[in-house]
Amino acid sequence: LKRNTYDQYIYLLDTKNFAIRADLIRKLMFDSDLGN
């Protein structure tokens, strides 16, 4: 996490602890064909 953090932002999402605008996540959704 330290290596991938810049200012107050981070390159990668960890889904165990996050919140997002509903309109944004509904636009992108997750790839249901990925196992991990």
Full PDB file with SEQRES, HELIX, SHEET, SSBOND, CRYST1, ORIGX, SCALE, CONECT and MASTER records, all heavy atoms in Angstrom:
SEQRES   1 A   36  LEU LYS ARG ASN THR TYR ASP GLN TYR ILE TYR LEU LEU          
SEQRES   2 A   36  ASP THR LYS ASN PHE ALA ILE ARG ALA ASP LEU ILE ARG          
SEQRES   3 A   36  LYS LEU MET PHE ASP SER ASP LEU GLY ASN                      
HELIX    1 AA1 ALA A   22  LEU A   28  1                                   7    
SHEET    1 AA1 2 THR A   5  TYR A   6  0                                        
SHEET    2 AA1 2 TYR A   9  ILE A  10 -1                                        
CRYST1    1.000    1.000    1.000  90.00  90.00  90.00 P 1           1          
ORIGX1      1.000000  0.000000  0.000000        0.00000                         
ORIGX2      0.000000  1.000000  0.000000        0.00000                         
ORIGX3      0.000000  0.000000  1.000000        0.00000                         
SCALE1      1.000000  0.000000  0.000000        0.00000                         
SCALE2      0.000000  1.000000  0.000000        0.00000                         
SCALE3      0.000000  0.000000  1.000000        0.00000                         
ATOM      1  N   LEU A   1       0.828  -1.202   0.000  1.00  0.00           N  
ATOM      2  CA  LEU A   1       0.000   0.000   0.000  1.00  0.00           C  
ATOM      3  C   LEU A   1       0.868   1.261   0.000  1.00  0.00           C  
ATOM      4  O   LEU A   1       0.570   2.229  -0.704  1.00  0.00           O  
ATOM      5  CB  LEU A   1      -0.937  -0.005   1.207  1.00  0.00           C  
ATOM      6  CG  LEU A   1      -2.036  -1.066   1.219  1.00  0.00           C  
ATOM      7  CD1 LEU A   1      -2.819  -1.011   2.514  1.00  0.00           C  
ATOM      8  CD2 LEU A   1      -2.974  -0.904   0.026  1.00  0.00           C  
ATOM      9  N   LYS A   2       1.945   1.251   0.776  1.00  0.00           N  
ATOM     10  CA  LYS A   2       2.840   2.410   0.830  1.00  0.00           C  
ATOM     11  C   LYS A   2       3.468   2.687  -0.527  1.00  0.00           C  
ATOM     12  O   LYS A   2       3.603   3.834  -0.952  1.00  0.00           O  
ATOM     13  CB  LYS A   2       3.933   2.180   1.880  1.00  0.00           C  
ATOM     14  CG  LYS A   2       3.450   2.252   3.314  1.00  0.00           C  
ATOM     15  CD  LYS A   2       4.588   1.998   4.287  1.00  0.00           C  
ATOM     16  CE  LYS A   2       4.092   2.034   5.731  1.00  0.00           C  
ATOM     17  NZ  LYS A   2       5.195   1.741   6.688  1.00  0.00           N  
ATOM     18  N   ARG A   3       3.859   1.612  -1.231  1.00  0.00           N  
ATOM     19  CA  ARG A   3       4.505   1.776  -2.536  1.00  0.00           C  
ATOM     20  C   ARG A   3       3.546   2.322  -3.593  1.00  0.00           C  
ATOM     21  O   ARG A   3       3.982   2.917  -4.571  1.00  0.00           O  
ATOM     22  CB  ARG A   3       5.075   0.438  -3.036  1.00  0.00           C  
ATOM     23  CG  ARG A   3       6.274  -0.065  -2.259  1.00  0.00           C  
ATOM     24  CD  ARG A   3       6.987  -1.168  -3.034  1.00  0.00           C  
ATOM     25  NE  ARG A   3       6.111  -2.283  -3.351  1.00  0.00           N  
ATOM     26  CZ  ARG A   3       5.903  -3.333  -2.568  1.00  0.00           C  
ATOM     27  NH1 ARG A   3       6.499  -3.392  -1.382  1.00  0.00           N  
ATOM     28  NH2 ARG A   3       5.104  -4.313  -2.947  1.00  0.00           N  
ATOM     29  N   ASN A   4       2.266   2.108  -3.389  1.00  0.00           N  
ATOM     30  CA  ASN A   4       1.285   2.482  -4.408  1.00  0.00           C  
ATOM     31  C   ASN A   4       0.416   3.666  -4.002  1.00  0.00           C  
ATOM     32  O   ASN A   4      -0.614   3.917  -4.620  1.00  0.00           O  
ATOM     33  CB  ASN A   4       0.406   1.276  -4.746  1.00  0.00           C  
ATOM     34  CG  ASN A   4       1.155   0.223  -5.529  1.00  0.00           C  
ATOM     35  OD1 ASN A   4       1.361   0.369  -6.731  1.00  0.00           O  
ATOM     36  ND2 ASN A   4       1.593  -0.832  -4.854  1.00  0.00           N  
ATOM     37  N   THR A   5       0.846   4.392  -2.974  1.00  0.00           N  
ATOM     38  CA  THR A   5       0.119   5.567  -2.510  1.00  0.00           C  
ATOM     39  C   THR A   5       0.841   6.831  -2.958  1.00  0.00           C  
ATOM     40  O   THR A   5       2.066   6.913  -2.892  1.00  0.00           O  
ATOM     41  CB  THR A   5       0.000   5.567  -0.975  1.00  0.00           C  
ATOM     42  OG1 THR A   5      -0.680   4.380  -0.550  1.00  0.00           O  
ATOM     43  CG2 THR A   5      -0.781   6.773  -0.484  1.00  0.00           C  
ATOM     44  N   TYR A   6       0.093   7.798  -3.449  1.00  0.00           N  
ATOM     45  CA  TYR A   6       0.663   9.085  -3.830  1.00  0.00           C  
ATOM     46  C   TYR A   6      -0.261  10.182  -3.321  1.00  0.00           C  
ATOM     47  O   TYR A   6      -1.472  10.135  -3.524  1.00  0.00           O  
ATOM     48  CB  TYR A   6       0.846   9.186  -5.346  1.00  0.00           C  
ATOM     49  CG  TYR A   6      -0.428   9.007  -6.139  1.00  0.00           C  
ATOM     50  CD1 TYR A   6      -1.069  10.107  -6.711  1.00  0.00           C  
ATOM     51  CD2 TYR A   6      -1.010   7.751  -6.290  1.00  0.00           C  
ATOM     52  CE1 TYR A   6      -2.245   9.952  -7.419  1.00  0.00           C  
ATOM     53  CE2 TYR A   6      -2.187   7.591  -7.007  1.00  0.00           C  
ATOM     54  CZ  TYR A   6      -2.797   8.689  -7.569  1.00  0.00           C  
ATOM     55  OH  TYR A   6      -3.970   8.527  -8.261  1.00  0.00           O  
ATOM     56  N   ASP A   7       0.311  11.151  -2.611  1.00  0.00           N  
ATOM     57  CA  ASP A   7      -0.483  12.183  -1.945  1.00  0.00           C  
ATOM     58  C   ASP A   7      -1.540  11.491  -1.070  1.00  0.00           C  
ATOM     59  O   ASP A   7      -1.220  10.702  -0.211  1.00  0.00           O  
ATOM     60  CB  ASP A   7      -1.115  13.128  -2.958  1.00  0.00           C  
ATOM     61  CG  ASP A   7      -0.074  13.925  -3.733  1.00  0.00           C  
ATOM     62  OD1 ASP A   7       0.984  14.186  -3.148  1.00  0.00           O  
ATOM     63  OD2 ASP A   7      -0.315  14.270  -4.897  1.00  0.00           O  
ATOM     64  N   GLN A   8      -2.819  11.731  -1.351  1.00  0.00           N  
ATOM     65  CA  GLN A   8      -3.903  11.119  -0.582  1.00  0.00           C  
ATOM     66  C   GLN A   8      -4.598  10.008  -1.370  1.00  0.00           C  
ATOM     67  O   GLN A   8      -5.661   9.543  -0.962  1.00  0.00           O  
ATOM     68  CB  GLN A   8      -4.927  12.170  -0.177  1.00  0.00           C  
ATOM     69  CG  GLN A   8      -4.413  13.202   0.809  1.00  0.00           C  
ATOM     70  CD  GLN A   8      -5.483  14.210   1.167  1.00  0.00           C  
ATOM     71  OE1 GLN A   8      -6.040  14.915   0.312  1.00  0.00           O  
ATOM     72  NE2 GLN A   8      -5.794  14.294   2.435  1.00  0.00           N  
ATOM     73  N   TYR A   9      -3.966   9.557  -2.438  1.00  0.00           N  
ATOM     74  CA  TYR A   9      -4.633   8.621  -3.342  1.00  0.00           C  
ATOM     75  C   TYR A   9      -3.805   7.355  -3.536  1.00  0.00           C  
ATOM     76  O   TYR A   9      -2.606   7.323  -3.255  1.00  0.00           O  
ATOM     77  CB  TYR A   9      -4.918   9.307  -4.679  1.00  0.00           C  
ATOM     78  CG  TYR A   9      -5.851  10.475  -4.515  1.00  0.00           C  
ATOM     79  CD1 TYR A   9      -5.338  11.760  -4.304  1.00  0.00           C  
ATOM     80  CD2 TYR A   9      -7.231  10.299  -4.514  1.00  0.00           C  
ATOM     81  CE1 TYR A   9      -6.189  12.840  -4.112  1.00  0.00           C  
ATOM     82  CE2 TYR A   9      -8.085  11.374  -4.326  1.00  0.00           C  
ATOM     83  CZ  TYR A   9      -7.566  12.638  -4.125  1.00  0.00           C  
ATOM     84  OH  TYR A   9      -8.416  13.693  -3.924  1.00  0.00           O  
ATOM     85  N   ILE A  10      -4.468   6.308  -4.030  1.00  0.00           N  
ATOM     86  CA  ILE A  10      -3.813   5.017  -4.199  1.00  0.00           C  
ATOM     87  C   ILE A  10      -4.173   4.452  -5.572  1.00  0.00           C  
ATOM     88  O   ILE A  10      -5.257   4.727  -6.116  1.00  0.00           O  
ATOM     89  CB  ILE A  10      -4.218   4.039  -3.067  1.00  0.00           C  
ATOM     90  CG1 ILE A  10      -3.307   2.820  -3.047  1.00  0.00           C  
ATOM     91  CG2 ILE A  10      -5.688   3.641  -3.155  1.00  0.00           C  
ATOM     92  CD1 ILE A  10      -3.353   2.057  -1.730  1.00  0.00           C  
ATOM     93  N   TYR A  11      -3.252   3.678  -6.138  1.00  0.00           N  
ATOM     94  CA  TYR A  11      -3.445   3.153  -7.488  1.00  0.00           C  
ATOM     95  C   TYR A  11      -4.447   2.004  -7.555  1.00  0.00           C  
ATOM     96  O   TYR A  11      -5.119   1.814  -8.559  1.00  0.00           O  
ATOM     97  CB  TYR A  11      -2.105   2.649  -8.058  1.00  0.00           C  
ATOM     98  CG  TYR A  11      -1.137   3.743  -8.411  1.00  0.00           C  
ATOM     99  CD1 TYR A  11      -0.004   3.967  -7.642  1.00  0.00           C  
ATOM    100  CD2 TYR A  11      -1.347   4.544  -9.534  1.00  0.00           C  
ATOM    101  CE1 TYR A  11       0.901   4.972  -7.980  1.00  0.00           C  
ATOM    102  CE2 TYR A  11      -0.451   5.549  -9.877  1.00  0.00           C  
ATOM    103  CZ  TYR A  11       0.675   5.754  -9.093  1.00  0.00           C  
ATOM    104  OH  TYR A  11       1.557   6.745  -9.418  1.00  0.00           O  
ATOM    105  N   LEU A  12      -4.520   1.213  -6.493  1.00  0.00           N  
ATOM    106  CA  LEU A  12      -5.286  -0.032  -6.558  1.00  0.00           C  
ATOM    107  C   LEU A  12      -6.371  -0.082  -5.491  1.00  0.00           C  
ATOM    108  O   LEU A  12      -6.175   0.372  -4.362  1.00  0.00           O  
ATOM    109  CB  LEU A  12      -4.355  -1.236  -6.385  1.00  0.00           C  
ATOM    110  CG  LEU A  12      -3.299  -1.410  -7.484  1.00  0.00           C  
ATOM    111  CD1 LEU A  12      -2.274  -2.443  -7.064  1.00  0.00           C  
ATOM    112  CD2 LEU A  12      -3.946  -1.811  -8.794  1.00  0.00           C  
ATOM    113  N   LEU A  13      -7.486  -0.681  -5.839  1.00  0.00           N  
ATOM    114  CA  LEU A  13      -8.607  -0.814  -4.910  1.00  0.00           C  
ATOM    115  C   LEU A  13      -8.535  -2.151  -4.173  1.00  0.00           C  
ATOM    116  O   LEU A  13      -8.301  -3.195  -4.779  1.00  0.00           O  
ATOM    117  CB  LEU A  13      -9.928  -0.741  -5.674  1.00  0.00           C  
ATOM    118  CG  LEU A  13     -11.200  -0.960  -4.859  1.00  0.00           C  
ATOM    119  CD1 LEU A  13     -11.384   0.174  -3.851  1.00  0.00           C  
ATOM    120  CD2 LEU A  13     -12.416  -1.066  -5.773  1.00  0.00           C  
ATOM    121  N   ASP A  14      -8.746  -2.102  -2.873  1.00  0.00           N  
ATOM    122  CA  ASP A  14      -8.906  -3.307  -2.058  1.00  0.00           C  
ATOM    123  C   ASP A  14     -10.362  -3.329  -1.604  1.00  0.00           C  
ATOM    124  O   ASP A  14     -10.792  -2.473  -0.828  1.00  0.00           O  
ATOM    125  CB  ASP A  14      -7.960  -3.280  -0.860  1.00  0.00           C  
ATOM    126  CG  ASP A  14      -7.968  -4.580  -0.069  1.00  0.00           C  
ATOM    127  OD1 ASP A  14      -8.955  -5.336  -0.189  1.00  0.00           O  
ATOM    128  OD2 ASP A  14      -7.004  -4.838   0.666  1.00  0.00           O  
ATOM    129  N   THR A  15     -11.103  -4.310  -2.070  1.00  0.00           N  
ATOM    130  CA  THR A  15     -12.559  -4.302  -1.885  1.00  0.00           C  
ATOM    131  C   THR A  15     -13.022  -4.711  -0.490  1.00  0.00           C  
ATOM    132  O   THR A  15     -14.226  -4.724  -0.231  1.00  0.00           O  
ATOM    133  CB  THR A  15     -13.226  -5.228  -2.924  1.00  0.00           C  
ATOM    134  OG1 THR A  15     -12.487  -6.446  -3.016  1.00  0.00           O  
ATOM    135  CG2 THR A  15     -13.262  -4.581  -4.294  1.00  0.00           C  
ATOM    136  N   LYS A  16     -12.102  -5.044   0.391  1.00  0.00           N  
ATOM    137  CA  LYS A  16     -12.540  -5.429   1.737  1.00  0.00           C  
ATOM    138  C   LYS A  16     -12.951  -4.232   2.583  1.00  0.00           C  
ATOM    139  O   LYS A  16     -13.534  -4.397   3.672  1.00  0.00           O  
ATOM    140  CB  LYS A  16     -11.440  -6.213   2.460  1.00  0.00           C  
ATOM    141  CG  LYS A  16     -10.257  -5.381   2.946  1.00  0.00           C  
ATOM    142  CD  LYS A  16      -9.353  -6.150   3.893  1.00  0.00           C  
ATOM    143  CE  LYS A  16      -8.620  -7.248   3.199  1.00  0.00           C  
ATOM    144  NZ  LYS A  16      -7.565  -6.761   2.271  1.00  0.00           N  
ATOM    145  N   ASN A  17     -12.670  -2.997   2.117  1.00  0.00           N  
ATOM    146  CA  ASN A  17     -12.926  -1.821   2.933  1.00  0.00           C  
ATOM    147  C   ASN A  17     -12.988  -0.586   2.043  1.00  0.00           C  
ATOM    148  O   ASN A  17     -11.988   0.121   1.882  1.00  0.00           O  
ATOM    149  CB  ASN A  17     -11.818  -1.679   3.985  1.00  0.00           C  
ATOM    150  CG  ASN A  17     -12.002  -0.476   4.894  1.00  0.00           C  
ATOM    151  OD1 ASN A  17     -13.060   0.144   4.919  1.00  0.00           O  
ATOM    152  ND2 ASN A  17     -10.957  -0.137   5.643  1.00  0.00           N  
ATOM    153  N   PHE A  18     -14.141  -0.317   1.452  1.00  0.00           N  
ATOM    154  CA  PHE A  18     -14.253   0.871   0.601  1.00  0.00           C  
ATOM    155  C   PHE A  18     -15.705   1.308   0.466  1.00  0.00           C  
ATOM    156  O   PHE A  18     -16.637   0.574   0.794  1.00  0.00           O  
ATOM    157  CB  PHE A  18     -13.637   0.605  -0.781  1.00  0.00           C  
ATOM    158  CG  PHE A  18     -14.534  -0.096  -1.763  1.00  0.00           C  
ATOM    159  CD1 PHE A  18     -15.109   0.600  -2.816  1.00  0.00           C  
ATOM    160  CD2 PHE A  18     -14.810  -1.446  -1.653  1.00  0.00           C  
ATOM    161  CE1 PHE A  18     -15.934  -0.036  -3.744  1.00  0.00           C  
ATOM    162  CE2 PHE A  18     -15.620  -2.091  -2.574  1.00  0.00           C  
ATOM    163  CZ  PHE A  18     -16.195  -1.380  -3.622  1.00  0.00           C  
ATOM    164  N   ALA A  19     -15.866   2.531  -0.024  1.00  0.00           N  
ATOM    165  CA  ALA A  19     -17.188   3.085  -0.338  1.00  0.00           C  
ATOM    166  C   ALA A  19     -17.075   3.830  -1.654  1.00  0.00           C  
ATOM    167  O   ALA A  19     -16.017   4.379  -1.988  1.00  0.00           O  
ATOM    168  CB  ALA A  19     -17.666   4.027   0.765  1.00  0.00           C  
ATOM    169  N   ILE A  20     -18.168   3.874  -2.416  1.00  0.00           N  
ATOM    170  CA  ILE A  20     -18.145   4.447  -3.755  1.00  0.00           C  
ATOM    171  C   ILE A  20     -19.511   5.014  -4.106  1.00  0.00           C  
ATOM    172  O   ILE A  20     -20.536   4.526  -3.610  1.00  0.00           O  
ATOM    173  CB  ILE A  20     -17.727   3.359  -4.783  1.00  0.00           C  
ATOM    174  CG1 ILE A  20     -17.532   3.940  -6.185  1.00  0.00           C  
ATOM    175  CG2 ILE A  20     -18.744   2.222  -4.802  1.00  0.00           C  
ATOM    176  CD1 ILE A  20     -16.904   2.953  -7.170  1.00  0.00           C  
ATOM    177  N   ARG A  21     -19.534   6.035  -4.932  1.00  0.00           N  
ATOM    178  CA  ARG A  21     -20.807   6.536  -5.443  1.00  0.00           C  
ATOM    179  C   ARG A  21     -21.509   5.427  -6.207  1.00  0.00           C  
ATOM    180  O   ARG A  21     -20.906   4.758  -7.057  1.00  0.00           O  
ATOM    181  CB  ARG A  21     -20.586   7.726  -6.381  1.00  0.00           C  
ATOM    182  CG  ARG A  21     -20.088   8.979  -5.724  1.00  0.00           C  
ATOM    183  CD  ARG A  21     -20.216  10.188  -6.672  1.00  0.00           C  
ATOM    184  NE  ARG A  21     -20.370   9.835  -8.065  1.00  0.00           N  
ATOM    185  CZ  ARG A  21     -19.430   9.967  -9.002  1.00  0.00           C  
ATOM    186  NH1 ARG A  21     -18.243  10.413  -8.668  1.00  0.00           N  
ATOM    187  NH2 ARG A  21     -19.683   9.647 -10.267  1.00  0.00           N  
ATOM    188  N   ALA A  22     -22.765   5.241  -5.950  1.00  0.00           N  
ATOM    189  CA  ALA A  22     -23.508   4.134  -6.562  1.00  0.00           C  
ATOM    190  C   ALA A  22     -23.567   4.253  -8.076  1.00  0.00           C  
ATOM    191  O   ALA A  22     -23.474   3.257  -8.786  1.00  0.00           O  
ATOM    192  CB  ALA A  22     -24.920   4.068  -5.977  1.00  0.00           C  
ATOM    193  N   ASP A  23     -23.702   5.481  -8.586  1.00  0.00           N  
ATOM    194  CA  ASP A  23     -23.786   5.642 -10.034  1.00  0.00           C  
ATOM    195  C   ASP A  23     -22.491   5.206 -10.717  1.00  0.00           C  
ATOM    196  O   ASP A  23     -22.515   4.649 -11.824  1.00  0.00           O  
ATOM    197  CB  ASP A  23     -24.138   7.083 -10.399  1.00  0.00           C  
ATOM    198  CG  ASP A  23     -23.099   8.093  -9.917  1.00  0.00           C  
ATOM    199  OD1 ASP A  23     -22.473   7.849  -8.867  1.00  0.00           O  
ATOM    200  OD2 ASP A  23     -22.914   9.119 -10.594  1.00  0.00           O  
ATOM    201  N   LEU A  24     -21.349   5.416 -10.074  1.00  0.00           N  
ATOM    202  CA  LEU A  24     -20.064   5.042 -10.655  1.00  0.00           C  
ATOM    203  C   LEU A  24     -19.878   3.535 -10.675  1.00  0.00           C  
ATOM    204  O   LEU A  24     -19.476   2.954 -11.696  1.00  0.00           O  
ATOM    205  CB  LEU A  24     -18.922   5.702  -9.875  1.00  0.00           C  
ATOM    206  CG  LEU A  24     -17.497   5.345 -10.324  1.00  0.00           C  
ATOM    207  CD1 LEU A  24     -17.285   5.693 -11.791  1.00  0.00           C  
ATOM    208  CD2 LEU A  24     -16.464   6.050  -9.444  1.00  0.00           C  
ATOM    209  N   ILE A  25     -20.179   2.873  -9.561  1.00  0.00           N  
ATOM    210  CA  ILE A  25     -19.967   1.424  -9.517  1.00  0.00           C  
ATOM    211  C   ILE A  25     -20.978   0.698 -10.402  1.00  0.00           C  
ATOM    212  O   ILE A  25     -20.664  -0.353 -10.983  1.00  0.00           O  
ATOM    213  CB  ILE A  25     -20.005   0.890  -8.069  1.00  0.00           C  
ATOM    214  CG1 ILE A  25     -19.302  -0.471  -7.995  1.00  0.00           C  
ATOM    215  CG2 ILE A  25     -21.427   0.819  -7.514  1.00  0.00           C  
ATOM    216  CD1 ILE A  25     -19.009  -0.952  -6.597  1.00  0.00           C  
ATOM    217  N   ARG A  26     -22.159   1.250 -10.558  1.00  0.00           N  
ATOM    218  CA  ARG A  26     -23.139   0.638 -11.463  1.00  0.00           C  
ATOM    219  C   ARG A  26     -22.719   0.792 -12.925  1.00  0.00           C  
ATOM    220  O   ARG A  26     -23.074  -0.029 -13.769  1.00  0.00           O  
ATOM    221  CB  ARG A  26     -24.521   1.251 -11.234  1.00  0.00           C  
ATOM    222  CG  ARG A  26     -25.157   0.854  -9.905  1.00  0.00           C  
ATOM    223  CD  ARG A  26     -26.619   1.231  -9.835  1.00  0.00           C  
ATOM    224  NE  ARG A  26     -27.189   0.838  -8.555  1.00  0.00           N  
ATOM    225  CZ  ARG A  26     -27.523   1.681  -7.587  1.00  0.00           C  
ATOM    226  NH1 ARG A  26     -27.354   2.976  -7.750  1.00  0.00           N  
ATOM    227  NH2 ARG A  26     -28.026   1.238  -6.440  1.00  0.00           N  
ATOM    228  N   LYS A  27     -21.956   1.822 -13.201  1.00  0.00           N  
ATOM    229  CA  LYS A  27     -21.452   2.036 -14.554  1.00  0.00           C  
ATOM    230  C   LYS A  27     -20.360   1.022 -14.901  1.00  0.00           C  
ATOM    231  O   LYS A  27     -20.326   0.484 -16.013  1.00  0.00           O  
ATOM    232  CB  LYS A  27     -20.902   3.454 -14.675  1.00  0.00           C  
ATOM    233  CG  LYS A  27     -20.294   3.774 -16.030  1.00  0.00           C  
ATOM    234  CD  LYS A  27     -19.755   5.205 -16.047  1.00  0.00           C  
ATOM    235  CE  LYS A  27     -19.096   5.520 -17.379  1.00  0.00           C  
ATOM    236  NZ  LYS A  27     -18.554   6.915 -17.413  1.00  0.00           N  
ATOM    237  N   LEU A  28     -19.485   0.740 -13.951  1.00  0.00           N  
ATOM    238  CA  LEU A  28     -18.342  -0.134 -14.215  1.00  0.00           C  
ATOM    239  C   LEU A  28     -18.622  -1.600 -13.890  1.00  0.00           C  
ATOM    240  O   LEU A  28     -18.235  -2.497 -14.639  1.00  0.00           O  
ATOM    241  CB  LEU A  28     -17.132   0.339 -13.402  1.00  0.00           C  
ATOM    242  CG  LEU A  28     -16.512   1.661 -13.835  1.00  0.00           C  
ATOM    243  CD1 LEU A  28     -15.415   2.064 -12.853  1.00  0.00           C  
ATOM    244  CD2 LEU A  28     -15.948   1.578 -15.233  1.00  0.00           C  
ATOM    245  N   MET A  29     -19.249  -1.860 -12.751  1.00  0.00           N  
ATOM    246  CA  MET A  29     -19.489  -3.206 -12.227  1.00  0.00           C  
ATOM    247  C   MET A  29     -18.160  -3.993 -12.151  1.00  0.00           C  
ATOM    248  O   MET A  29     -17.084  -3.481 -12.464  1.00  0.00           O  
ATOM    249  CB  MET A  29     -20.513  -3.959 -13.061  1.00  0.00           C  
ATOM    250  CG  MET A  29     -21.852  -3.264 -13.169  1.00  0.00           C  
ATOM    251  SD  MET A  29     -22.710  -3.006 -11.586  1.00  0.00           S  
ATOM    252  CE  MET A  29     -23.398  -4.653 -11.301  1.00  0.00           C  
ATOM    253  N   PHE A  30     -18.229  -5.236 -11.677  1.00  0.00           N  
ATOM    254  CA  PHE A  30     -17.061  -6.109 -11.610  1.00  0.00           C  
ATOM    255  C   PHE A  30     -17.144  -7.151 -12.716  1.00  0.00           C  
ATOM    256  O   PHE A  30     -18.231  -7.478 -13.192  1.00  0.00           O  
ATOM    257  CB  PHE A  30     -16.973  -6.786 -10.239  1.00  0.00           C  
ATOM    258  CG  PHE A  30     -16.631  -5.856  -9.117  1.00  0.00           C  
ATOM    259  CD1 PHE A  30     -17.632  -5.267  -8.354  1.00  0.00           C  
ATOM    260  CD2 PHE A  30     -15.316  -5.545  -8.834  1.00  0.00           C  
ATOM    261  CE1 PHE A  30     -17.324  -4.383  -7.319  1.00  0.00           C  
ATOM    262  CE2 PHE A  30     -14.991  -4.669  -7.801  1.00  0.00           C  
ATOM    263  CZ  PHE A  30     -16.000  -4.088  -7.053  1.00  0.00           C  
ATOM    264  N   ASP A  31     -16.001  -7.655 -13.121  1.00  0.00           N  
ATOM    265  CA  ASP A  31     -15.970  -8.709 -14.133  1.00  0.00           C  
ATOM    266  C   ASP A  31     -16.333 -10.031 -13.453  1.00  0.00           C  
ATOM    267  O   ASP A  31     -15.532 -10.578 -12.691  1.00  0.00           O  
ATOM    268  CB  ASP A  31     -14.585  -8.787 -14.769  1.00  0.00           C  
ATOM    269  CG  ASP A  31     -14.537  -9.768 -15.939  1.00  0.00           C  
ATOM    270  OD1 ASP A  31     -15.403 -10.657 -16.010  1.00  0.00           O  
ATOM    271  OD2 ASP A  31     -13.616  -9.656 -16.761  1.00  0.00           O  
ATOM    272  N   SER A  32     -17.500 -10.551 -13.753  1.00  0.00           N  
ATOM    273  CA  SER A  32     -17.988 -11.756 -13.074  1.00  0.00           C  
ATOM    274  C   SER A  32     -17.296 -13.032 -13.540  1.00  0.00           C  
ATOM    275  O   SER A  32     -17.518 -14.102 -12.964  1.00  0.00           O  
ATOM    276  CB  SER A  32     -19.501 -11.886 -13.271  1.00  0.00           C  
ATOM    277  OG  SER A  32     -19.814 -12.003 -14.649  1.00  0.00           O  
ATOM    278  N   ASP A  33     -16.461 -12.930 -14.565  1.00  0.00           N  
ATOM    279  CA  ASP A  33     -15.750 -14.111 -15.065  1.00  0.00           C  
ATOM    280  C   ASP A  33     -14.391 -14.310 -14.396  1.00  0.00           C  
ATOM    281  O   ASP A  33     -13.718 -15.309 -14.651  1.00  0.00           O  
ATOM    282  CB  ASP A  33     -15.551 -14.008 -16.585  1.00  0.00           C  
ATOM    283  CG  ASP A  33     -16.863 -14.123 -17.345  1.00  0.00           C  
ATOM    284  OD1 ASP A  33     -17.749 -14.861 -16.868  1.00  0.00           O  
ATOM    285  OD2 ASP A  33     -17.001 -13.465 -18.389  1.00  0.00           O  
ATOM    286  N   LEU A  34     -13.996 -13.361 -13.556  1.00  0.00           N  
ATOM    287  CA  LEU A  34     -12.714 -13.481 -12.865  1.00  0.00           C  
ATOM    288  C   LEU A  34     -12.884 -14.232 -11.547  1.00  0.00           C  
ATOM    289  O   LEU A  34     -13.788 -13.926 -10.770  1.00  0.00           O  
ATOM    290  CB  LEU A  34     -12.120 -12.095 -12.599  1.00  0.00           C  
ATOM    291  CG  LEU A  34     -11.746 -11.270 -13.842  1.00  0.00           C  
ATOM    292  CD1 LEU A  34     -11.297  -9.877 -13.425  1.00  0.00           C  
ATOM    293  CD2 LEU A  34     -10.666 -11.968 -14.652  1.00  0.00           C  
ATOM    294  N   GLY A  35     -11.989 -15.171 -11.280  1.00  0.00           N  
ATOM    295  CA  GLY A  35     -12.070 -15.937 -10.045  1.00  0.00           C  
ATOM    296  C   GLY A  35     -11.429 -15.244  -8.864  1.00  0.00           C  
ATOM    297  O   GLY A  35     -11.689 -15.577  -7.714  1.00  0.00           O  
ATOM    298  N   ASN A  36     -10.566 -14.280  -9.132  1.00  0.00           N  
ATOM    299  CA  ASN A  36      -9.880 -13.538  -8.073  1.00  0.00           C  
ATOM    300  C   ASN A  36      -9.379 -12.223  -8.666  1.00  0.00           C  
ATOM    301  O   ASN A  36      -9.357 -12.045  -9.880  1.00  0.00           O  
ATOM    302  CB  ASN A  36      -8.708 -14.338  -7.506  1.00  0.00           C  
ATOM    303  CG  ASN A  36      -8.291 -13.865  -6.116  1.00  0.00           C  
ATOM    304  OD1 ASN A  36      -8.639 -12.770  -5.685  1.00  0.00           O  
ATOM    305  ND2 ASN A  36      -7.544 -14.693  -5.415  1.00  0.00           N  
TER     306      ASN A  36                                                      
MASTER        0    0    0    1    2    0    0    6  305    1    0    3          
END                                                                             
